[in-house]
Amino acid sequence: MIIDINFIGLIIASIMASAVPLILASCGELITERSGVLNLGVEGMMIIGLFQVSH
Protein backbone atom coordinates (compact mmCIF):
# COMPACT_ATOMS: atom_id res chain seq x y z
CA MET A 1 0.00 0.00 0.00
CA ILE A 2 1.24 3.46 -0.86
CA ILE A 3 1.07 5.85 2.08
CA ASP A 4 -0.16 9.22 0.91
CA ILE A 5 -1.46 12.33 2.64
CA ASN A 6 -5.07 11.07 2.66
CA PHE A 7 -4.09 7.88 4.47
CA ILE A 8 -2.11 9.81 7.09
CA GLY A 9 -5.05 12.20 7.55
CA LEU A 10 -7.44 9.30 8.12
CA ILE A 11 -5.13 7.76 10.71
CA ILE A 12 -4.79 11.05 12.59
CA ALA A 13 -8.56 11.59 12.50
CA SER A 14 -9.26 8.11 13.88
CA ILE A 15 -6.71 8.58 16.67
CA MET A 16 -8.28 11.91 17.63
CA ALA A 17 -11.80 10.45 17.58
CA SER A 18 -10.71 7.56 19.79
CA ALA A 19 -8.96 9.87 22.24
CA VAL A 20 -11.90 12.21 22.90
CA PRO A 21 -13.63 10.07 25.59
CA LEU A 22 -10.34 9.53 27.40
CA ILE A 23 -9.59 13.25 27.35
CA LEU A 24 -13.08 14.20 28.56
CA ALA A 25 -13.04 11.63 31.37
CA SER A 26 -9.58 12.77 32.43
CA CYS A 27 -10.68 16.42 32.51
CA GLY A 28 -13.76 15.50 34.53
CA GLU A 29 -11.69 13.49 36.99
CA LEU A 30 -9.22 16.34 37.34
CA ILE A 31 -12.02 18.75 38.25
CA THR A 32 -13.55 16.23 40.65
CA GLU A 33 -10.26 15.50 42.41
CA ARG A 34 -9.42 19.19 42.75
CA SER A 35 -12.77 19.77 44.45
CA GLY A 36 -11.92 17.12 47.05
CA VAL A 37 -14.37 14.40 45.99
CA LEU A 38 -13.03 10.89 45.39
CA ASN A 39 -14.43 9.35 42.20
CA LEU A 40 -13.67 5.63 41.97
CA GLY A 41 -15.75 4.99 38.83
CA VAL A 42 -13.76 7.06 36.35
CA GLU A 43 -11.96 4.02 34.88
CA GLY A 44 -15.29 2.37 34.13
CA MET A 45 -16.59 5.55 32.53
CA MET A 46 -13.48 5.71 30.34
CA ILE A 47 -13.91 2.10 29.22
CA ILE A 48 -17.61 2.58 28.41
CA GLY A 49 -16.82 5.79 26.52
CA LEU A 50 -14.12 4.07 24.49
CA PHE A 51 -16.49 1.21 23.63
CA GLN A 52 -19.16 3.69 22.52
CA VAL A 53 -16.73 5.48 20.20
CA SER A 54 -15.43 2.27 18.67
CA HIS A 55 -18.89 0.88 17.81
C-alpha atoms as a PDB file:
ATOM      1  CA  MET A   1       0.000   0.000   0.000  1.00  0.00           C
ATOM      2  CA  ILE A   2       1.238   3.457  -0.861  1.00  0.00           C
ATOM      3  CA  ILE A   3       1.073   5.846   2.076  1.00  0.00           C
ATOM      4  CA  ASP A   4      -0.159   9.223   0.912  1.00  0.00           C
ATOM      5  CA  ILE A   5      -1.462  12.330   2.644  1.00  0.00           C
ATOM      6  CA  ASN A   6      -5.067  11.074   2.663  1.00  0.00           C
ATOM      7  CA  PHE A   7      -4.085   7.877   4.475  1.00  0.00           C
ATOM      8  CA  ILE A   8      -2.113   9.808   7.089  1.00  0.00           C
ATOM      9  CA  GLY A   9      -5.047  12.196   7.551  1.00  0.00           C
ATOM     10  CA  LEU A  10      -7.442   9.299   8.125  1.00  0.00           C
ATOM     11  CA  ILE A  11      -5.131   7.759  10.711  1.00  0.00           C
ATOM     12  CA  ILE A  12      -4.785  11.046  12.585  1.00  0.00           C
ATOM     13  CA  ALA A  13      -8.562  11.594  12.499  1.00  0.00           C
ATOM     14  CA  SER A  14      -9.257   8.113  13.877  1.00  0.00           C
ATOM     15  CA  ILE A  15      -6.714   8.582  16.667  1.00  0.00           C
ATOM     16  CA  MET A  16      -8.279  11.912  17.626  1.00  0.00           C
ATOM     17  CA  ALA A  17     -11.800  10.449  17.578  1.00  0.00           C
ATOM     18  CA  SER A  18     -10.715   7.563  19.785  1.00  0.00           C
ATOM     19  CA  ALA A  19      -8.961   9.867  22.242  1.00  0.00           C
ATOM     20  CA  VAL A  20     -11.901  12.206  22.902  1.00  0.00           C
ATOM     21  CA  PRO A  21     -13.634  10.067  25.595  1.00  0.00           C
ATOM     22  CA  LEU A  22     -10.344   9.527  27.399  1.00  0.00           C
ATOM     23  CA  ILE A  23      -9.589  13.249  27.352  1.00  0.00           C
ATOM     24  CA  LEU A  24     -13.082  14.200  28.563  1.00  0.00           C
ATOM     25  CA  ALA A  25     -13.036  11.628  31.372  1.00  0.00           C
ATOM     26  CA  SER A  26      -9.576  12.774  32.425  1.00  0.00           C
ATOM     27  CA  CYS A  27     -10.677  16.419  32.513  1.00  0.00           C
ATOM     28  CA  GLY A  28     -13.757  15.503  34.534  1.00  0.00           C
ATOM     29  CA  GLU A  29     -11.688  13.485  36.993  1.00  0.00           C
ATOM     30  CA  LEU A  30      -9.216  16.343  37.336  1.00  0.00           C
ATOM     31  CA  ILE A  31     -12.015  18.753  38.251  1.00  0.00           C
ATOM     32  CA  THR A  32     -13.548  16.231  40.655  1.00  0.00           C
ATOM     33  CA  GLU A  33     -10.256  15.502  42.405  1.00  0.00           C
ATOM     34  CA  ARG A  34      -9.421  19.189  42.753  1.00  0.00           C
ATOM     35  CA  SER A  35     -12.771  19.771  44.450  1.00  0.00           C
ATOM     36  CA  GLY A  36     -11.925  17.122  47.046  1.00  0.00           C
ATOM     37  CA  VAL A  37     -14.374  14.398  45.990  1.00  0.00           C
ATOM     38  CA  LEU A  38     -13.034  10.890  45.390  1.00  0.00           C
ATOM     39  CA  ASN A  39     -14.434   9.347  42.204  1.00  0.00           C
ATOM     40  CA  LEU A  40     -13.669   5.626  41.968  1.00  0.00           C
ATOM     41  CA  GLY A  41     -15.747   4.992  38.834  1.00  0.00           C
ATOM     42  CA  VAL A  42     -13.761   7.055  36.346  1.00  0.00           C
ATOM     43  CA  GLU A  43     -11.959   4.023  34.878  1.00  0.00           C
ATOM     44  CA  GLY A  44     -15.292   2.367  34.125  1.00  0.00           C
ATOM     45  CA  MET A  45     -16.589   5.552  32.534  1.00  0.00           C
ATOM     46  CA  MET A  46     -13.478   5.709  30.340  1.00  0.00           C
ATOM     47  CA  ILE A  47     -13.911   2.103  29.216  1.00  0.00           C
ATOM     48  CA  ILE A  48     -17.611   2.582  28.409  1.00  0.00           C
ATOM     49  CA  GLY A  49     -16.819   5.791  26.515  1.00  0.00           C
ATOM     50  CA  LEU A  50     -14.121   4.069  24.492  1.00  0.00           C
ATOM     51  CA  PHE A  51     -16.491   1.209  23.625  1.00  0.00           C
ATOM     52  CA  GLN A  52     -19.157   3.693  22.518  1.00  0.00           C
ATOM     53  CA  VAL A  53     -16.734   5.476  20.196  1.00  0.00           C
ATOM     54  CA  SER A  54     -15.430   2.266  18.668  1.00  0.00           C
ATOM     55  CA  HIS A  55     -18.887   0.881  17.806  1.00  0.00           C
END
